[in-house]
Amino acid sequence: MGFEEFLAARLPALLRFATALTGDPHRAEDVVQDVLIRAQRRWRRIRAMDAPEAYLKRMITNEYLSWRRRRSSREVPAADRTLDAAIEPQDDPARRFDERDAIWSGLAALPPRQRAVLALRYYEGLTTAEISGVLGCSEATVRSHESRALSGLRLEHRRPDPRRDSAKS
């Protein structure tokens, strides 16, 4: 399969993965674009691999992590309303948006490696061994990152909302 054919078939999936990883569709496009520029030059070698898409996802993950390290500001990406496709509607639509926004803000506050582990585990469905291969670390490190990330999200979810507290006053 040629590079253009591969992109026609798999680009939307790569962009969805990068969006789940970065939390920002515009930043995801930048990361994927940088990766695809490098991948096009090496496409013959990548195409010959057993799983070229998995290799590209690893490149996207590494690019995101290195991009975050290069970034000097601590900008937190805003939640994207289009990423809500997987959440079922509930009785109160406002509650659904509040919960999704809380999850996105919690994810945005996580360190990059913890966020990458959660994206690879829950978005990509990878095992601990597969994640350790993608990130180039031990399985124990992956489990540690996942545990800390989930604990951080639980703590973030329990924190009182200052907007609600000030409204009561």
Protein backbone atom coordinates (compact mmCIF):
# COMPACT_ATOMS: atom_id res chain seq x y z
CA MET A 1 0.00 0.00 0.00
CA GLY A 2 1.32 3.40 -0.94
CA PHE A 3 1.59 6.33 1.44
CA GLU A 4 -1.35 8.20 -0.11
CA GLU A 5 -3.56 5.09 -0.01
CA PHE A 6 -2.66 4.50 3.63
CA LEU A 7 -3.50 8.11 4.50
CA ALA A 8 -6.81 7.97 2.67
CA ALA A 9 -7.78 4.91 4.72
CA ARG A 10 -6.26 5.68 8.14
CA LEU A 11 -5.82 9.45 8.53
CA PRO A 12 -9.14 9.97 10.37
CA ALA A 13 -8.21 7.26 12.89
CA LEU A 14 -4.76 8.79 13.41
CA LEU A 15 -6.29 12.22 13.97
CA ARG A 16 -8.83 10.81 16.46
CA PHE A 17 -6.02 9.10 18.36
CA ALA A 18 -3.94 12.29 18.42
CA THR A 19 -6.96 14.31 19.56
CA ALA A 20 -7.58 11.89 22.42
CA LEU A 21 -3.91 12.16 23.32
CA THR A 22 -3.61 15.96 23.16
CA GLY A 23 -7.14 17.01 24.08
CA ASP A 24 -7.05 19.64 21.35
CA PRO A 25 -7.96 18.86 17.71
CA HIS A 26 -5.80 21.70 16.36
CA ARG A 27 -2.75 20.59 18.31
CA ALA A 28 -3.50 17.00 17.22
CA GLU A 29 -3.41 18.07 13.58
CA ASP A 30 -0.02 19.73 14.15
CA VAL A 31 1.41 16.63 15.82
CA VAL A 32 0.08 14.28 13.11
CA GLN A 33 1.34 16.60 10.36
CA ASP A 34 4.85 16.64 11.84
CA VAL A 35 4.83 12.84 12.11
CA LEU A 36 3.50 12.29 8.59
CA ILE A 37 6.16 14.55 7.08
CA ARG A 38 8.85 12.34 8.66
CA ALA A 39 6.96 9.12 7.87
CA GLN A 40 6.59 9.94 4.18
CA ARG A 41 10.38 10.05 3.76
CA ARG A 42 10.68 6.62 5.42
CA TRP A 43 7.48 5.07 4.07
CA ARG A 44 9.18 2.11 2.35
CA ARG A 45 10.72 1.02 5.63
CA ILE A 46 7.53 1.69 7.64
CA ARG A 47 5.32 -0.07 5.11
CA ALA A 48 7.48 -3.20 5.37
CA MET A 49 6.77 -3.48 9.11
CA ASP A 50 4.15 -5.85 10.51
CA ALA A 51 2.00 -3.00 11.84
CA PRO A 52 2.70 0.34 10.15
CA GLU A 53 -0.27 2.03 11.82
CA ALA A 54 0.94 0.99 15.27
CA TYR A 55 4.35 2.40 14.41
CA LEU A 56 2.81 5.70 13.33
CA LYS A 57 0.80 5.86 16.57
CA ARG A 58 4.01 5.35 18.48
CA MET A 59 5.57 8.19 16.47
CA ILE A 60 2.52 10.36 17.28
CA THR A 61 2.81 9.54 20.98
CA ASN A 62 6.54 10.31 21.02
CA GLU A 63 6.01 13.53 19.07
CA TYR A 64 3.30 14.64 21.50
CA LEU A 65 5.51 13.90 24.50
CA SER A 66 8.53 15.67 23.01
CA TRP A 67 6.36 18.54 21.80
CA ARG A 68 5.06 19.01 25.33
CA ARG A 69 8.63 19.07 26.65
CA ARG A 70 9.60 21.72 24.11
CA ARG A 71 6.59 23.84 24.98
CA SER A 72 7.55 26.66 27.32
CA SER A 73 4.09 27.75 28.41
CA ARG A 74 1.69 25.80 30.58
CA GLU A 75 -1.28 26.39 28.33
CA VAL A 76 -4.22 24.14 29.15
CA PRO A 77 -6.24 23.23 26.04
CA ALA A 78 -9.92 24.09 26.09
CA ALA A 79 -12.42 21.26 25.94
CA ASP A 80 -13.71 20.41 22.49
CA ARG A 81 -17.46 19.95 22.29
CA THR A 82 -17.13 17.56 19.29
CA LEU A 83 -15.31 14.90 21.34
CA ASP A 84 -18.48 13.84 23.14
CA ALA A 85 -19.54 11.13 20.66
CA ALA A 86 -18.81 8.25 23.05
CA ILE A 87 -20.87 9.59 25.98
CA GLU A 88 -24.52 8.55 26.15
CA PRO A 89 -27.07 11.33 26.61
CA GLN A 90 -28.51 11.55 30.12
CA ASP A 91 -31.63 13.15 31.56
CA ASP A 92 -30.02 16.57 31.94
CA PRO A 93 -27.91 17.67 28.95
CA ALA A 94 -26.15 20.33 31.04
CA ARG A 95 -24.96 17.65 33.45
CA ARG A 96 -23.47 15.68 30.56
CA PHE A 97 -21.49 18.75 29.42
CA ASP A 98 -20.37 19.51 32.97
CA GLU A 99 -19.08 15.96 33.43
CA ARG A 100 -17.29 15.93 30.08
CA ASP A 101 -15.70 19.32 30.77
CA ALA A 102 -14.57 18.10 34.19
CA ILE A 103 -12.96 15.04 32.61
CA TRP A 104 -11.22 17.09 29.93
CA SER A 105 -9.92 19.64 32.42
CA GLY A 106 -8.70 16.81 34.66
CA LEU A 107 -6.93 15.16 31.73
CA ALA A 108 -5.41 18.47 30.66
CA ALA A 109 -3.94 18.93 34.14
CA LEU A 110 -2.17 15.54 34.07
CA PRO A 111 1.53 15.28 33.22
CA PRO A 112 2.10 14.26 29.58
CA ARG A 113 3.22 10.67 30.25
CA GLN A 114 0.25 9.97 32.52
CA ARG A 115 -2.08 11.39 29.91
CA ALA A 116 -0.39 9.30 27.20
CA VAL A 117 -0.83 6.13 29.27
CA LEU A 118 -4.55 6.83 29.72
CA ALA A 119 -5.03 7.56 26.01
CA LEU A 120 -3.20 4.39 25.02
CA ARG A 121 -5.09 2.29 27.58
CA TYR A 122 -8.64 3.60 27.29
CA TYR A 123 -8.74 5.09 23.80
CA GLU A 124 -6.51 2.62 21.98
CA GLY A 125 -7.26 -0.36 24.25
CA LEU A 126 -3.60 -1.39 24.56
CA THR A 127 -2.32 -3.73 27.26
CA THR A 128 0.29 -2.75 29.82
CA ALA A 129 2.97 -4.59 27.83
CA GLU A 130 1.99 -2.83 24.60
CA ILE A 131 1.99 0.57 26.29
CA SER A 132 5.42 -0.07 27.77
CA GLY A 133 6.64 -0.87 24.26
CA VAL A 134 5.17 2.33 22.83
CA LEU A 135 6.56 4.54 25.60
CA GLY A 136 9.86 2.68 25.95
CA CYS A 137 9.55 2.09 29.69
CA SER A 138 8.88 -0.85 32.01
CA GLU A 139 5.43 -2.28 32.65
CA ALA A 140 5.74 -1.24 36.29
CA THR A 141 6.26 2.36 35.18
CA VAL A 142 3.16 2.15 32.98
CA ARG A 143 1.11 0.81 35.91
CA SER A 144 2.48 3.57 38.14
CA HIS A 145 1.61 6.29 35.60
CA GLU A 146 -1.88 4.86 35.16
CA SER A 147 -2.50 4.59 38.89
CA ARG A 148 -1.31 8.13 39.56
CA ALA A 149 -3.32 9.52 36.66
CA LEU A 150 -6.52 7.84 37.79
CA SER A 151 -5.92 8.96 41.39
CA GLY A 152 -5.37 12.50 40.16
CA LEU A 153 -8.60 12.40 38.18
CA ARG A 154 -10.51 11.10 41.19
CA LEU A 155 -9.10 13.87 43.39
CA GLU A 156 -9.88 16.48 40.73
CA HIS A 157 -13.45 15.17 40.51
CA ARG A 158 -13.93 15.49 44.31
CA ARG A 159 -12.69 19.07 44.55
CA PRO A 160 -15.48 21.57 45.21
CA ASP A 161 -16.41 23.87 42.37
CA PRO A 162 -15.58 27.47 43.42
CA ARG A 163 -18.28 28.80 41.08
CA ARG A 164 -20.93 26.83 42.95
CA ASP A 165 -19.55 27.87 46.35
CA SER A 166 -19.55 31.58 45.43
CA ALA A 167 -23.10 31.33 44.04
CA LYS A 168 -24.33 30.12 47.44
CA SER A 169 -22.83 33.12 49.24
